[in-house]
N, C-alpha and C. Protein backbone atom coordinates (compact mmCIF):
# COMPACT_ATOMS: atom_id res chain seq x y z
N MET A 1 45.95 -22.87 137.62
CA MET A 1 45.57 -24.25 137.39
C MET A 1 45.55 -24.52 135.88
N LEU A 2 46.10 -25.65 135.51
CA LEU A 2 46.02 -26.08 134.11
C LEU A 2 45.24 -27.38 134.03
N ASN A 3 44.28 -27.40 133.13
CA ASN A 3 43.51 -28.59 132.81
C ASN A 3 43.82 -28.93 131.36
N VAL A 4 43.42 -30.11 130.93
CA VAL A 4 43.72 -30.53 129.57
C VAL A 4 42.44 -30.96 128.85
N ILE A 5 42.27 -30.45 127.66
CA ILE A 5 41.23 -30.90 126.73
C ILE A 5 41.96 -31.66 125.64
N LYS A 6 41.53 -32.89 125.37
CA LYS A 6 42.22 -33.73 124.38
C LYS A 6 41.28 -34.10 123.23
N ILE A 7 41.78 -33.92 122.04
CA ILE A 7 41.09 -34.38 120.83
C ILE A 7 41.97 -35.49 120.27
N ARG A 8 41.37 -36.64 120.01
CA ARG A 8 42.12 -37.81 119.55
C ARG A 8 41.65 -38.29 118.19
N LYS A 9 42.62 -38.62 117.36
CA LYS A 9 42.41 -39.24 116.05
C LYS A 9 41.46 -38.47 115.14
N ALA A 10 41.62 -37.15 115.12
CA ALA A 10 40.90 -36.36 114.13
C ALA A 10 41.48 -36.77 112.78
N THR A 11 40.66 -37.30 111.91
CA THR A 11 41.13 -37.91 110.66
C THR A 11 40.78 -37.03 109.46
N PHE A 12 41.72 -36.90 108.56
CA PHE A 12 41.49 -36.15 107.34
C PHE A 12 42.28 -36.77 106.20
N TYR A 13 41.87 -36.47 105.01
CA TYR A 13 42.56 -36.94 103.82
C TYR A 13 43.31 -35.75 103.26
N GLY A 14 44.63 -35.84 103.23
CA GLY A 14 45.43 -34.72 102.79
C GLY A 14 46.44 -35.10 101.74
N TYR A 15 47.12 -34.10 101.22
CA TYR A 15 48.08 -34.28 100.13
C TYR A 15 49.47 -33.81 100.57
N HIS A 16 49.89 -34.31 101.71
CA HIS A 16 51.16 -33.92 102.29
C HIS A 16 52.20 -35.01 102.05
N GLY A 17 53.42 -34.59 101.76
CA GLY A 17 54.50 -35.55 101.56
C GLY A 17 55.52 -35.01 100.58
N VAL A 18 56.67 -35.62 100.61
CA VAL A 18 57.77 -35.21 99.74
C VAL A 18 57.60 -35.79 98.34
N ARG A 19 57.13 -37.00 98.25
CA ARG A 19 57.00 -37.67 96.96
C ARG A 19 55.81 -37.12 96.17
N SER A 20 55.97 -37.08 94.86
CA SER A 20 54.93 -36.49 94.01
C SER A 20 53.61 -37.26 94.11
N GLU A 21 53.69 -38.60 94.26
CA GLU A 21 52.44 -39.36 94.38
C GLU A 21 51.69 -39.05 95.67
N GLU A 22 52.42 -38.70 96.73
CA GLU A 22 51.76 -38.31 97.97
C GLU A 22 51.01 -37.00 97.78
N GLN A 23 51.59 -36.10 96.99
CA GLN A 23 50.97 -34.80 96.77
C GLN A 23 49.84 -34.86 95.74
N SER A 24 49.83 -35.89 94.89
CA SER A 24 48.76 -35.98 93.89
C SER A 24 47.67 -36.97 94.30
N VAL A 25 48.04 -38.11 94.85
CA VAL A 25 47.06 -39.13 95.24
C VAL A 25 46.55 -38.87 96.66
N GLY A 26 47.42 -38.41 97.54
CA GLY A 26 47.04 -38.10 98.91
C GLY A 26 47.05 -39.32 99.81
N GLY A 27 46.65 -39.10 101.03
CA GLY A 27 46.61 -40.18 102.00
C GLY A 27 45.90 -39.77 103.27
N LYS A 28 45.70 -40.75 104.13
CA LYS A 28 44.99 -40.53 105.39
C LYS A 28 45.97 -40.06 106.46
N PHE A 29 45.58 -39.01 107.15
CA PHE A 29 46.36 -38.45 108.24
C PHE A 29 45.48 -38.37 109.48
N GLU A 30 46.13 -38.37 110.64
CA GLU A 30 45.41 -38.22 111.90
C GLU A 30 46.11 -37.16 112.74
N ALA A 31 45.31 -36.46 113.54
CA ALA A 31 45.85 -35.45 114.44
C ALA A 31 45.32 -35.68 115.85
N ASP A 32 46.20 -35.50 116.82
CA ASP A 32 45.83 -35.45 118.23
C ASP A 32 46.21 -34.05 118.71
N VAL A 33 45.35 -33.46 119.52
CA VAL A 33 45.64 -32.14 120.06
C VAL A 33 45.36 -32.16 121.56
N ASP A 34 46.35 -31.73 122.33
CA ASP A 34 46.19 -31.56 123.77
C ASP A 34 46.24 -30.07 124.05
N ILE A 35 45.17 -29.56 124.65
CA ILE A 35 45.05 -28.14 124.94
C ILE A 35 45.13 -27.95 126.45
N TYR A 36 46.12 -27.19 126.87
CA TYR A 36 46.30 -26.90 128.29
C TYR A 36 45.73 -25.51 128.57
N THR A 37 44.73 -25.48 129.43
CA THR A 37 44.04 -24.25 129.76
C THR A 37 43.43 -24.40 131.15
N ASP A 38 42.90 -23.33 131.67
CA ASP A 38 42.21 -23.41 132.95
C ASP A 38 40.71 -23.38 132.68
N PHE A 39 40.07 -24.54 132.78
CA PHE A 39 38.62 -24.55 132.58
C PHE A 39 37.85 -24.74 133.90
N SER A 40 38.49 -24.42 135.01
CA SER A 40 37.84 -24.61 136.31
C SER A 40 36.58 -23.75 136.46
N GLN A 41 36.63 -22.51 135.97
CA GLN A 41 35.43 -21.65 136.06
C GLN A 41 34.31 -22.19 135.18
N ALA A 42 34.65 -22.70 134.01
CA ALA A 42 33.64 -23.28 133.12
C ALA A 42 32.99 -24.49 133.78
N ALA A 43 33.80 -25.31 134.43
CA ALA A 43 33.26 -26.49 135.10
C ALA A 43 32.36 -26.08 136.26
N LYS A 44 32.77 -25.07 136.99
CA LYS A 44 31.99 -24.59 138.13
C LYS A 44 30.63 -24.05 137.69
N GLU A 45 30.64 -23.29 136.59
CA GLU A 45 29.42 -22.66 136.09
C GLU A 45 28.70 -23.50 135.03
N ASP A 46 29.33 -24.59 134.60
CA ASP A 46 28.80 -25.43 133.52
C ASP A 46 28.51 -24.57 132.28
N SER A 47 29.53 -23.79 131.90
CA SER A 47 29.37 -22.79 130.84
C SER A 47 30.40 -22.99 129.73
N LEU A 48 29.92 -23.26 128.53
CA LEU A 48 30.80 -23.40 127.37
C LEU A 48 31.56 -22.11 127.09
N GLY A 49 30.96 -20.99 127.37
CA GLY A 49 31.58 -19.70 127.11
C GLY A 49 32.82 -19.43 127.95
N LYS A 50 33.06 -20.24 128.97
CA LYS A 50 34.21 -20.03 129.86
C LYS A 50 35.33 -21.05 129.60
N THR A 51 35.22 -21.79 128.51
CA THR A 51 36.25 -22.78 128.19
C THR A 51 36.55 -22.74 126.70
N ILE A 52 37.37 -23.63 126.24
CA ILE A 52 37.70 -23.76 124.82
C ILE A 52 36.64 -24.68 124.20
N ASP A 53 35.98 -24.21 123.17
CA ASP A 53 34.98 -25.01 122.46
C ASP A 53 35.73 -25.98 121.54
N TYR A 54 35.73 -27.25 121.90
CA TYR A 54 36.54 -28.19 121.12
C TYR A 54 35.95 -28.47 119.75
N HIS A 55 34.69 -28.15 119.53
CA HIS A 55 34.13 -28.21 118.17
C HIS A 55 34.84 -27.18 117.28
N LYS A 56 35.03 -25.98 117.82
CA LYS A 56 35.74 -24.94 117.07
C LYS A 56 37.20 -25.32 116.83
N VAL A 57 37.82 -25.94 117.83
CA VAL A 57 39.21 -26.37 117.68
C VAL A 57 39.32 -27.41 116.57
N TYR A 58 38.42 -28.39 116.59
CA TYR A 58 38.44 -29.43 115.55
C TYR A 58 38.29 -28.80 114.16
N SER A 59 37.32 -27.91 114.00
CA SER A 59 37.10 -27.26 112.70
C SER A 59 38.32 -26.47 112.27
N PHE A 60 38.95 -25.81 113.22
CA PHE A 60 40.15 -25.01 112.96
C PHE A 60 41.30 -25.90 112.48
N VAL A 61 41.53 -26.99 113.19
CA VAL A 61 42.60 -27.93 112.82
C VAL A 61 42.31 -28.56 111.46
N TYR A 62 41.09 -28.98 111.24
CA TYR A 62 40.70 -29.59 109.97
C TYR A 62 40.97 -28.62 108.81
N HIS A 63 40.59 -27.37 108.99
CA HIS A 63 40.81 -26.36 107.94
C HIS A 63 42.31 -26.18 107.67
N LEU A 64 43.11 -26.06 108.73
CA LEU A 64 44.55 -25.89 108.55
C LEU A 64 45.19 -27.10 107.86
N ALA A 65 44.69 -28.28 108.15
CA ALA A 65 45.25 -29.50 107.57
C ALA A 65 44.96 -29.60 106.07
N LEU A 66 43.92 -28.94 105.62
CA LEU A 66 43.52 -29.07 104.22
C LEU A 66 43.78 -27.84 103.36
N GLU A 67 44.09 -26.70 103.98
CA GLU A 67 44.20 -25.47 103.19
C GLU A 67 45.46 -25.41 102.33
N GLN A 68 46.46 -26.19 102.68
CA GLN A 68 47.75 -26.12 101.98
C GLN A 68 48.41 -27.49 102.01
N LYS A 69 49.20 -27.78 100.97
CA LYS A 69 50.00 -29.01 100.95
C LYS A 69 51.34 -28.73 101.62
N TYR A 70 51.78 -29.68 102.43
CA TYR A 70 53.08 -29.58 103.08
C TYR A 70 53.94 -30.76 102.66
N TYR A 71 55.22 -30.51 102.47
CA TYR A 71 56.15 -31.61 102.23
C TYR A 71 56.33 -32.41 103.52
N LEU A 72 56.38 -31.72 104.65
CA LEU A 72 56.67 -32.35 105.93
C LEU A 72 55.49 -32.27 106.89
N ILE A 73 55.20 -33.39 107.54
CA ILE A 73 54.16 -33.33 108.58
C ILE A 73 54.67 -32.52 109.77
N GLU A 74 55.98 -32.36 109.89
CA GLU A 74 56.55 -31.49 110.91
C GLU A 74 56.07 -30.05 110.72
N SER A 75 56.03 -29.61 109.47
CA SER A 75 55.57 -28.25 109.15
C SER A 75 54.10 -28.08 109.48
N LEU A 76 53.31 -29.09 109.14
CA LEU A 76 51.88 -29.04 109.44
C LEU A 76 51.63 -28.99 110.95
N ALA A 77 52.32 -29.81 111.71
CA ALA A 77 52.16 -29.83 113.17
C ALA A 77 52.54 -28.47 113.78
N MET A 78 53.63 -27.89 113.31
CA MET A 78 54.07 -26.59 113.83
C MET A 78 53.06 -25.50 113.48
N LYS A 79 52.55 -25.52 112.26
CA LYS A 79 51.55 -24.54 111.84
C LYS A 79 50.31 -24.63 112.73
N ILE A 80 49.83 -25.83 112.98
CA ILE A 80 48.64 -26.01 113.81
C ILE A 80 48.90 -25.51 115.23
N ALA A 81 50.03 -25.87 115.81
CA ALA A 81 50.35 -25.43 117.18
C ALA A 81 50.39 -23.90 117.27
N ASN A 82 51.11 -23.28 116.34
CA ASN A 82 51.22 -21.81 116.35
C ASN A 82 49.87 -21.13 116.18
N GLU A 83 49.10 -21.60 115.23
CA GLU A 83 47.82 -20.96 114.93
C GLU A 83 46.80 -21.17 116.05
N LEU A 84 46.81 -22.32 116.71
CA LEU A 84 45.91 -22.53 117.85
C LEU A 84 46.22 -21.54 118.96
N LEU A 85 47.50 -21.34 119.25
CA LEU A 85 47.89 -20.39 120.30
C LEU A 85 47.50 -18.96 119.93
N LYS A 86 47.58 -18.62 118.66
CA LYS A 86 47.20 -17.28 118.22
C LYS A 86 45.68 -17.08 118.25
N GLU A 87 44.94 -18.09 117.86
CA GLU A 87 43.48 -17.98 117.72
C GLU A 87 42.75 -18.08 119.06
N PHE A 88 43.21 -18.94 119.94
CA PHE A 88 42.51 -19.20 121.21
C PHE A 88 43.39 -18.67 122.35
N LYS A 89 43.08 -17.48 122.81
CA LYS A 89 43.93 -16.77 123.77
C LYS A 89 44.03 -17.45 125.13
N SER A 90 43.08 -18.29 125.50
CA SER A 90 43.15 -18.93 126.82
C SER A 90 43.95 -20.23 126.81
N ILE A 91 44.45 -20.64 125.64
CA ILE A 91 45.34 -21.80 125.59
C ILE A 91 46.70 -21.36 126.11
N GLN A 92 47.22 -22.06 127.12
CA GLN A 92 48.53 -21.75 127.68
C GLN A 92 49.64 -22.60 127.06
N LYS A 93 49.27 -23.80 126.66
CA LYS A 93 50.23 -24.75 126.08
C LYS A 93 49.44 -25.69 125.19
N VAL A 94 50.08 -26.15 124.12
CA VAL A 94 49.42 -27.07 123.21
C VAL A 94 50.41 -28.14 122.76
N ALA A 95 49.92 -29.35 122.61
CA ALA A 95 50.69 -30.43 122.03
C ALA A 95 49.91 -30.93 120.81
N VAL A 96 50.59 -30.99 119.69
CA VAL A 96 49.97 -31.43 118.44
C VAL A 96 50.76 -32.61 117.90
N ARG A 97 50.07 -33.70 117.65
CA ARG A 97 50.68 -34.88 117.03
C ARG A 97 50.00 -35.11 115.68
N ILE A 98 50.81 -35.31 114.66
CA ILE A 98 50.31 -35.63 113.32
C ILE A 98 50.86 -36.99 112.94
N ARG A 99 49.96 -37.87 112.48
CA ARG A 99 50.34 -39.20 112.02
C ARG A 99 50.04 -39.34 110.53
N LYS A 100 51.01 -39.88 109.82
CA LYS A 100 50.82 -40.24 108.42
C LYS A 100 50.68 -41.76 108.40
N ASN A 101 49.52 -42.24 108.01
CA ASN A 101 49.26 -43.67 107.98
C ASN A 101 49.84 -44.31 106.72
N ASN A 102 50.34 -45.51 106.87
CA ASN A 102 50.92 -46.27 105.76
C ASN A 102 51.90 -45.46 104.93
N PRO A 103 52.95 -44.91 105.55
CA PRO A 103 53.89 -44.09 104.81
C PRO A 103 54.68 -44.93 103.81
N PRO A 104 55.03 -44.32 102.68
CA PRO A 104 55.78 -45.05 101.65
C PRO A 104 57.26 -45.18 102.02
N LEU A 105 57.57 -46.15 102.87
CA LEU A 105 58.94 -46.33 103.34
C LEU A 105 59.60 -47.58 102.77
N GLY A 106 58.90 -48.28 101.90
CA GLY A 106 59.47 -49.49 101.31
C GLY A 106 59.34 -50.72 102.20
N GLY A 107 58.51 -50.63 103.20
CA GLY A 107 58.26 -51.75 104.10
C GLY A 107 56.93 -51.53 104.81
N VAL A 108 56.57 -52.47 105.64
CA VAL A 108 55.29 -52.38 106.35
C VAL A 108 55.47 -51.54 107.61
N VAL A 109 54.85 -50.36 107.60
CA VAL A 109 54.87 -49.45 108.75
C VAL A 109 53.46 -48.92 108.93
N ASP A 110 52.94 -49.05 110.11
CA ASP A 110 51.58 -48.57 110.38
C ASP A 110 51.48 -47.06 110.18
N HIS A 111 52.37 -46.31 110.82
CA HIS A 111 52.36 -44.86 110.67
C HIS A 111 53.67 -44.26 111.16
N VAL A 112 53.90 -43.02 110.75
CA VAL A 112 54.94 -42.19 111.34
C VAL A 112 54.23 -41.04 112.02
N GLU A 113 54.87 -40.51 113.06
CA GLU A 113 54.21 -39.48 113.86
C GLU A 113 55.23 -38.44 114.30
N VAL A 114 54.80 -37.18 114.29
CA VAL A 114 55.60 -36.10 114.86
C VAL A 114 54.78 -35.42 115.94
N GLU A 115 55.48 -34.77 116.86
CA GLU A 115 54.80 -34.05 117.93
C GLU A 115 55.46 -32.70 118.13
N VAL A 116 54.64 -31.68 118.27
CA VAL A 116 55.10 -30.33 118.59
C VAL A 116 54.42 -29.95 119.91
N ILE A 117 55.23 -29.51 120.85
CA ILE A 117 54.71 -29.00 122.13
C ILE A 117 55.15 -27.56 122.23
N LYS A 118 54.19 -26.67 122.40
CA LYS A 118 54.52 -25.24 122.39
C LYS A 118 53.71 -24.52 123.46
N GLU A 119 54.38 -23.62 124.15
CA GLU A 119 53.73 -22.80 125.18
C GLU A 119 53.50 -21.40 124.64
N ARG A 120 52.53 -20.71 125.22
CA ARG A 120 52.17 -19.37 124.76
C ARG A 120 53.38 -18.43 124.76
N ASN A 121 54.24 -18.53 125.76
CA ASN A 121 55.39 -17.62 125.84
C ASN A 121 56.44 -17.90 124.74
N GLU A 122 56.27 -18.96 123.97
CA GLU A 122 57.20 -19.27 122.87
C GLU A 122 56.74 -18.70 121.53
N LEU A 123 55.57 -18.06 121.49
CA LEU A 123 55.10 -17.46 120.25
C LEU A 123 56.01 -16.30 119.88
N ALA A 124 56.34 -16.23 118.61
CA ALA A 124 57.21 -15.13 118.15
C ALA A 124 56.39 -13.93 117.77
């Protein structure tokens, strides 16, 4: 059985981007994470110890988003997906979406977004 734990609009201020002003001034980014796991036993026992602690996931994602500057949000999304699968052994599949708000595209754009979907068997 696969169930889904979803974290939506985790917001952070980061210094990701190709342009030098993005890397020096920074900007607002958002992350969505979908965690596919079996939490049926946790639900049955009402036990946090039998599921993925989404507080720990949020802290983990936040740390990864801020520990390094990336030129591409694609790189950041892939890093988060890979590291979540490595850190949390009961995650079977993960989807990570990263949004860059108000990207410098020379026009009015709310955000750009990338998504990485990765299963445990795809880890190298």
